[in-house]
PDB file of N, CA and C in Angstrom:
ATOM      1  N   MET A   1     -15.482  -7.809   1.625  1.00  0.00           N
ATOM      2  CA  MET A   1     -14.247  -7.080   1.802  1.00  0.00           C
ATOM      3  C   MET A   1     -13.109  -7.922   1.236  1.00  0.00           C
ATOM      4  N   ILE A   2     -12.225  -7.277   0.506  1.00  0.00           N
ATOM      5  CA  ILE A   2     -11.044  -7.908  -0.088  1.00  0.00           C
ATOM      6  C   ILE A   2      -9.821  -7.324   0.600  1.00  0.00           C
ATOM      7  N   LEU A   3      -8.906  -8.203   1.019  1.00  0.00           N
ATOM      8  CA  LEU A   3      -7.658  -7.748   1.622  1.00  0.00           C
ATOM      9  C   LEU A   3      -6.533  -8.004   0.641  1.00  0.00           C
ATOM     10  N   GLU A   4      -5.897  -6.936   0.217  1.00  0.00           N
ATOM     11  CA  GLU A   4      -4.734  -7.009  -0.668  1.00  0.00           C
ATOM     12  C   GLU A   4      -3.489  -6.936   0.210  1.00  0.00           C
ATOM     13  N   ALA A   5      -2.557  -7.862   0.034  1.00  0.00           N
ATOM     14  CA  ALA A   5      -1.302  -7.861   0.789  1.00  0.00           C
ATOM     15  C   ALA A   5      -0.150  -7.793  -0.199  1.00  0.00           C
ATOM     16  N   VAL A   6       0.717  -6.796  -0.020  1.00  0.00           N
ATOM     17  CA  VAL A   6       1.831  -6.582  -0.936  1.00  0.00           C
ATOM     18  C   VAL A   6       3.123  -6.450  -0.122  1.00  0.00           C
ATOM     19  N   MET A   7       4.129  -7.251  -0.472  1.00  0.00           N
ATOM     20  CA  MET A   7       5.435  -7.129   0.148  1.00  0.00           C
ATOM     21  C   MET A   7       6.253  -6.161  -0.691  1.00  0.00           C
ATOM     22  N   LEU A   8       6.746  -5.105  -0.071  1.00  0.00           N
ATOM     23  CA  LEU A   8       7.517  -4.086  -0.764  1.00  0.00           C
ATOM     24  C   LEU A   8       8.968  -4.146  -0.308  1.00  0.00           C
ATOM     25  N   HIS A   9       9.879  -4.009  -1.255  1.00  0.00           N
ATOM     26  CA  HIS A   9      11.308  -4.041  -0.956  1.00  0.00           C
ATOM     27  C   HIS A   9      11.907  -2.692  -1.348  1.00  0.00           C
ATOM     28  N   VAL A  10      12.521  -2.035  -0.385  1.00  0.00           N
ATOM     29  CA  VAL A  10      13.093  -0.700  -0.571  1.00  0.00           C
ATOM     30  C   VAL A  10      14.611  -0.816  -0.474  1.00  0.00           C
ATOM     31  N   LYS A  11      15.302  -0.117  -1.362  1.00  0.00           N
ATOM     32  CA  LYS A  11      16.768  -0.155  -1.349  1.00  0.00           C
ATOM     33  C   LYS A  11      17.292   0.323   0.004  1.00  0.00           C
ATOM     34  N   PRO A  12      18.342  -0.327   0.504  1.00  0.00           N
ATOM     35  CA  PRO A  12      18.925   0.093   1.780  1.00  0.00           C
ATOM     36  C   PRO A  12      19.294   1.575   1.761  1.00  0.00           C
ATOM     37  N   GLY A  13      18.965   2.248   2.849  1.00  0.00           N
ATOM     38  CA  GLY A  13      19.248   3.668   2.963  1.00  0.00           C
ATOM     39  C   GLY A  13      18.158   4.566   2.411  1.00  0.00           C
ATOM     40  N   MET A  14      17.170   3.987   1.724  1.00  0.00           N
ATOM     41  CA  MET A  14      16.100   4.770   1.106  1.00  0.00           C
ATOM     42  C   MET A  14      14.786   4.683   1.896  1.00  0.00           C
ATOM     43  N   GLU A  15      14.824   4.067   3.069  1.00  0.00           N
ATOM     44  CA  GLU A  15      13.601   3.849   3.831  1.00  0.00           C
ATOM     45  C   GLU A  15      12.897   5.155   4.198  1.00  0.00           C
ATOM     46  N   SER A  16      13.636   6.146   4.650  1.00  0.00           N
ATOM     47  CA  SER A  16      13.012   7.427   5.030  1.00  0.00           C
ATOM     48  C   SER A  16      12.355   8.104   3.828  1.00  0.00           C
ATOM     49  N   ASP A  17      13.031   8.094   2.686  1.00  0.00           N
ATOM     50  CA  ASP A  17      12.462   8.672   1.465  1.00  0.00           C
ATOM     51  C   ASP A  17      11.197   7.925   1.055  1.00  0.00           C
ATOM     52  N   PHE A  18      11.243   6.600   1.152  1.00  0.00           N
ATOM     53  CA  PHE A  18      10.077   5.784   0.805  1.00  0.00           C
ATOM     54  C   PHE A  18       8.895   6.127   1.705  1.00  0.00           C
ATOM     55  N   GLU A  19       9.136   6.183   3.009  1.00  0.00           N
ATOM     56  CA  GLU A  19       8.049   6.463   3.947  1.00  0.00           C
ATOM     57  C   GLU A  19       7.458   7.851   3.717  1.00  0.00           C
ATOM     58  N   TYR A  20       8.295   8.819   3.402  1.00  0.00           N
ATOM     59  CA  TYR A  20       7.820  10.168   3.095  1.00  0.00           C
ATOM     60  C   TYR A  20       6.948  10.151   1.831  1.00  0.00           C
ATOM     61  N   SER A  21       7.426   9.488   0.787  1.00  0.00           N
ATOM     62  CA  SER A  21       6.680   9.411  -0.471  1.00  0.00           C
ATOM     63  C   SER A  21       5.395   8.620  -0.310  1.00  0.00           C
ATOM     64  N   PHE A  22       5.427   7.604   0.543  1.00  0.00           N
ATOM     65  CA  PHE A  22       4.229   6.793   0.742  1.00  0.00           C
ATOM     66  C   PHE A  22       3.114   7.611   1.388  1.00  0.00           C
ATOM     67  N   LYS A  23       3.470   8.552   2.239  1.00  0.00           N
ATOM     68  CA  LYS A  23       2.444   9.413   2.838  1.00  0.00           C
ATOM     69  C   LYS A  23       1.686  10.169   1.759  1.00  0.00           C
ATOM     70  N   LYS A  24       2.393  10.633   0.735  1.00  0.00           N
ATOM     71  CA  LYS A  24       1.737  11.312  -0.387  1.00  0.00           C
ATOM     72  C   LYS A  24       0.885  10.330  -1.193  1.00  0.00           C
ATOM     73  N   ALA A  25       1.432   9.140  -1.445  1.00  0.00           N
ATOM     74  CA  ALA A  25       0.704   8.124  -2.212  1.00  0.00           C
ATOM     75  C   ALA A  25      -0.543   7.657  -1.465  1.00  0.00           C
ATOM     76  N   SER A  26      -0.512   7.691  -0.151  1.00  0.00           N
ATOM     77  CA  SER A  26      -1.663   7.264   0.652  1.00  0.00           C
ATOM     78  C   SER A  26      -2.906   8.076   0.313  1.00  0.00           C
ATOM     79  N   LYS A  27      -2.708   9.358   0.021  1.00  0.00           N
ATOM     80  CA  LYS A  27      -3.845  10.207  -0.334  1.00  0.00           C
ATOM     81  C   LYS A  27      -4.487   9.754  -1.635  1.00  0.00           C
ATOM     82  N   ILE A  28      -3.670   9.298  -2.572  1.00  0.00           N
ATOM     83  CA  ILE A  28      -4.182   8.809  -3.852  1.00  0.00           C
ATOM     84  C   ILE A  28      -4.918   7.488  -3.650  1.00  0.00           C
ATOM     85  N   ILE A  29      -4.285   6.570  -2.920  1.00  0.00           N
ATOM     86  CA  ILE A  29      -4.914   5.265  -2.667  1.00  0.00           C
ATOM     87  C   ILE A  29      -6.259   5.454  -1.986  1.00  0.00           C
ATOM     88  N   SER A  30      -6.292   6.289  -0.954  1.00  0.00           N
ATOM     89  CA  SER A  30      -7.529   6.443  -0.174  1.00  0.00           C
ATOM     90  C   SER A  30      -8.643   7.147  -0.937  1.00  0.00           C
ATOM     91  N   SER A  31      -8.325   7.766  -2.054  1.00  0.00           N
ATOM     92  CA  SER A  31      -9.356   8.437  -2.849  1.00  0.00           C
ATOM     93  C   SER A  31      -9.998   7.510  -3.885  1.00  0.00           C
ATOM     94  N   MET A  32      -9.483   6.299  -4.012  1.00  0.00           N
ATOM     95  CA  MET A  32      -9.990   5.378  -5.036  1.00  0.00           C
ATOM     96  C   MET A  32     -11.367   4.829  -4.654  1.00  0.00           C
ATOM     97  N   ASN A  33     -12.201   4.599  -5.655  1.00  0.00           N
ATOM     98  CA  ASN A  33     -13.527   4.043  -5.451  1.00  0.00           C
ATOM     99  C   ASN A  33     -13.410   2.642  -4.848  1.00  0.00           C
ATOM    100  N   GLY A  34     -14.143   2.392  -3.795  1.00  0.00           N
ATOM    101  CA  GLY A  34     -14.148   1.075  -3.170  1.00  0.00           C
ATOM    102  C   GLY A  34     -13.089   0.891  -2.096  1.00  0.00           C
ATOM    103  N   TYR A  35     -12.272   1.898  -1.879  1.00  0.00           N
ATOM    104  CA  TYR A  35     -11.235   1.840  -0.844  1.00  0.00           C
ATOM    105  C   TYR A  35     -11.877   1.858   0.535  1.00  0.00           C
ATOM    106  N   LEU A  36     -11.358   1.013   1.440  1.00  0.00           N
ATOM    107  CA  LEU A  36     -11.830   1.014   2.824  1.00  0.00           C
ATOM    108  C   LEU A  36     -10.748   1.504   3.793  1.00  0.00           C
ATOM    109  N   SER A  37      -9.562   0.921   3.707  1.00  0.00           N
ATOM    110  CA  SER A  37      -8.481   1.328   4.611  1.00  0.00           C
ATOM    111  C   SER A  37      -7.167   0.726   4.131  1.00  0.00           C
ATOM    112  N   HIS A  38      -6.066   1.208   4.716  1.00  0.00           N
ATOM    113  CA  HIS A  38      -4.768   0.600   4.415  1.00  0.00           C
ATOM    114  C   HIS A  38      -3.815   0.778   5.600  1.00  0.00           C
ATOM    115  N   GLU A  39      -2.821  -0.094   5.632  1.00  0.00           N
ATOM    116  CA  GLU A  39      -1.800  -0.064   6.672  1.00  0.00           C
ATOM    117  C   GLU A  39      -0.461  -0.383   6.027  1.00  0.00           C
ATOM    118  N   LEU A  40       0.572   0.294   6.482  1.00  0.00           N
ATOM    119  CA  LEU A  40       1.927   0.001   6.031  1.00  0.00           C
ATOM    120  C   LEU A  40       2.733  -0.406   7.258  1.00  0.00           C
ATOM    121  N   HIS A  41       3.339  -1.591   7.189  1.00  0.00           N
ATOM    122  CA  HIS A  41       4.112  -2.120   8.309  1.00  0.00           C
ATOM    123  C   HIS A  41       5.552  -2.334   7.880  1.00  0.00           C
ATOM    124  N   ARG A  42       6.467  -1.825   8.691  1.00  0.00           N
ATOM    125  CA  ARG A  42       7.903  -2.003   8.436  1.00  0.00           C
ATOM    126  C   ARG A  42       8.368  -3.286   9.121  1.00  0.00           C
ATOM    127  N   CYS A  43       9.062  -4.132   8.400  1.00  0.00           N
ATOM    128  CA  CYS A  43       9.571  -5.382   8.948  1.00  0.00           C
ATOM    129  C   CYS A  43      10.712  -5.074   9.925  1.00  0.00           C
ATOM    130  N   ILE A  44      10.686  -5.697  11.089  1.00  0.00           N
ATOM    131  CA  ILE A  44      11.752  -5.476  12.069  1.00  0.00           C
ATOM    132  C   ILE A  44      12.901  -6.455  11.878  1.00  0.00           C
ATOM    133  N   GLU A  45      12.692  -7.477  11.066  1.00  0.00           N
ATOM    134  CA  GLU A  45      13.720  -8.501  10.857  1.00  0.00           C
ATOM    135  C   GLU A  45      14.591  -8.249   9.635  1.00  0.00           C
ATOM    136  N   VAL A  46      14.029  -7.585   8.619  1.00  0.00           N
ATOM    137  CA  VAL A  46      14.754  -7.356   7.371  1.00  0.00           C
ATOM    138  C   VAL A  46      14.657  -5.882   7.006  1.00  0.00           C
ATOM    139  N   ASN A  47      15.791  -5.200   6.971  1.00  0.00           N
ATOM    140  CA  ASN A  47      15.801  -3.787   6.596  1.00  0.00           C
ATOM    141  C   ASN A  47      15.275  -3.601   5.179  1.00  0.00           C
ATOM    142  N   GLY A  48      14.441  -2.589   5.003  1.00  0.00           N
ATOM    143  CA  GLY A  48      13.927  -2.271   3.676  1.00  0.00           C
ATOM    144  C   GLY A  48      12.724  -3.081   3.244  1.00  0.00           C
ATOM    145  N   ARG A  49      12.201  -3.932   4.101  1.00  0.00           N
ATOM    146  CA  ARG A  49      11.023  -4.738   3.743  1.00  0.00           C
ATOM    147  C   ARG A  49       9.805  -4.156   4.464  1.00  0.00           C
ATOM    148  N   TYR A  50       8.720  -3.999   3.693  1.00  0.00           N
ATOM    149  CA  TYR A  50       7.465  -3.466   4.213  1.00  0.00           C
ATOM    150  C   TYR A  50       6.314  -4.352   3.757  1.00  0.00           C
ATOM    151  N   LEU A  51       5.283  -4.403   4.576  1.00  0.00           N
ATOM    152  CA  LEU A  51       4.051  -5.087   4.204  1.00  0.00           C
ATOM    153  C   LEU A  51       2.961  -4.033   4.094  1.00  0.00           C
ATOM    154  N   LEU A  52       2.341  -3.968   2.919  1.00  0.00           N
ATOM    155  CA  LEU A  52       1.224  -3.053   2.689  1.00  0.00           C
ATOM    156  C   LEU A  52      -0.057  -3.872   2.652  1.00  0.00           C
ATOM    157  N   LEU A  53      -1.011  -3.507   3.484  1.00  0.00           N
ATOM    158  CA  LEU A  53      -2.330  -4.131   3.500  1.00  0.00           C
ATOM    159  C   LEU A  53      -3.351  -3.088   3.077  1.00  0.00           C
ATOM    160  N   VAL A  54      -4.155  -3.426   2.070  1.00  0.00           N
ATOM    161  CA  VAL A  54      -5.201  -2.512   1.601  1.00  0.00           C
ATOM    162  C   VAL A  54      -6.517  -3.274   1.594  1.00  0.00           C
ATOM    163  N   ARG A  55      -7.522  -2.684   2.197  1.00  0.00           N
ATOM    164  CA  ARG A  55      -8.852  -3.290   2.226  1.00  0.00           C
ATOM    165  C   ARG A  55      -9.749  -2.579   1.214  1.00  0.00           C
ATOM    166  N   TRP A  56     -10.405  -3.400   0.382  1.00  0.00           N
ATOM    167  CA  TRP A  56     -11.293  -2.899  -0.665  1.00  0.00           C
ATOM    168  C   TRP A  56     -12.690  -3.456  -0.437  1.00  0.00           C
ATOM    169  N   GLU A  57     -13.700  -2.733  -0.884  1.00  0.00           N
ATOM    170  CA  GLU A  57     -15.080  -3.202  -0.762  1.00  0.00           C
ATOM    171  C   GLU A  57     -15.296  -4.482  -1.558  1.00  0.00           C
ATOM    172  N   THR A  58     -14.785  -4.504  -2.799  1.00  0.00           N
ATOM    173  CA  THR A  58     -14.981  -5.650  -3.679  1.00  0.00           C
ATOM    174  C   THR A  58     -13.690  -5.933  -4.443  1.00  0.00           C
ATOM    175  N   LEU A  59     -13.608  -7.103  -5.037  1.00  0.00           N
ATOM    176  CA  LEU A  59     -12.455  -7.438  -5.865  1.00  0.00           C
ATOM    177  C   LEU A  59     -12.365  -6.477  -7.046  1.00  0.00           C
ATOM    178  N   GLU A  60     -13.499  -6.099  -7.606  1.00  0.00           N
ATOM    179  CA  GLU A  60     -13.513  -5.191  -8.743  1.00  0.00           C
ATOM    180  C   GLU A  60     -12.994  -3.806  -8.381  1.00  0.00           C
ATOM    181  N   SER A  61     -13.214  -3.391  -7.143  1.00  0.00           N
ATOM    182  CA  SER A  61     -12.682  -2.094  -6.703  1.00  0.00           C
ATOM    183  C   SER A  61     -11.170  -2.062  -6.852  1.00  0.00           C
ATOM    184  N   HIS A  62     -10.549  -3.197  -6.591  1.00  0.00           N
ATOM    185  CA  HIS A  62      -9.094  -3.287  -6.710  1.00  0.00           C
ATOM    186  C   HIS A  62      -8.660  -3.574  -8.145  1.00  0.00           C
ATOM    187  N   THR A  63      -9.193  -4.623  -8.733  1.00  0.00           N
ATOM    188  CA  THR A  63      -8.697  -5.067 -10.036  1.00  0.00           C
ATOM    189  C   THR A  63      -9.099  -4.139 -11.175  1.00  0.00           C
ATOM    190  N   VAL A  64     -10.302  -3.607 -11.137  1.00  0.00           N
ATOM    191  CA  VAL A  64     -10.753  -2.738 -12.215  1.00  0.00           C
ATOM    192  C   VAL A  64     -10.469  -1.278 -11.885  1.00  0.00           C
ATOM    193  N   GLY A  65     -10.891  -0.840 -10.707  1.00  0.00           N
ATOM    194  CA  GLY A  65     -10.746   0.560 -10.344  1.00  0.00           C
ATOM    195  C   GLY A  65      -9.315   0.990 -10.091  1.00  0.00           C
ATOM    196  N   PHE A  66      -8.613   0.268  -9.216  1.00  0.00           N
ATOM    197  CA  PHE A  66      -7.278   0.714  -8.815  1.00  0.00           C
ATOM    198  C   PHE A  66      -6.206   0.336  -9.819  1.00  0.00           C
ATOM    199  N   LEU A  67      -6.143  -0.907 -10.198  1.00  0.00           N
ATOM    200  CA  LEU A  67      -5.068  -1.343 -11.092  1.00  0.00           C
ATOM    201  C   LEU A  67      -5.181  -0.750 -12.488  1.00  0.00           C
ATOM    202  N   ARG A  68      -6.392  -0.513 -12.947  1.00  0.00           N
ATOM    203  CA  ARG A  68      -6.579   0.031 -14.290  1.00  0.00           C
ATOM    204  C   ARG A  68      -6.849   1.535 -14.281  1.00  0.00           C
ATOM    205  N   GLY A  69      -7.051   2.087 -13.064  1.00  0.00           N
ATOM    206  CA  GLY A  69      -7.419   3.491 -12.909  1.00  0.00           C
ATOM    207  C   GLY A  69      -6.447   4.391 -13.520  1.00  0.00           C
TER     208      GLY A  69
END
């Protein structure tokens, strides 16, 4: 299992739009080959900062399948 961790920065005031759009993007991410699960966490200390965690079966599932898909 590979854990991908991505820090996302959203412009102030755009958090609701981002979260709405991310729900749509979640369907795309979860349909990728080798996908296991994902979580999106909103930072309570810094407005507009999110941590995205995505679990993949293998490194190739992420690097070849998702990034190049």
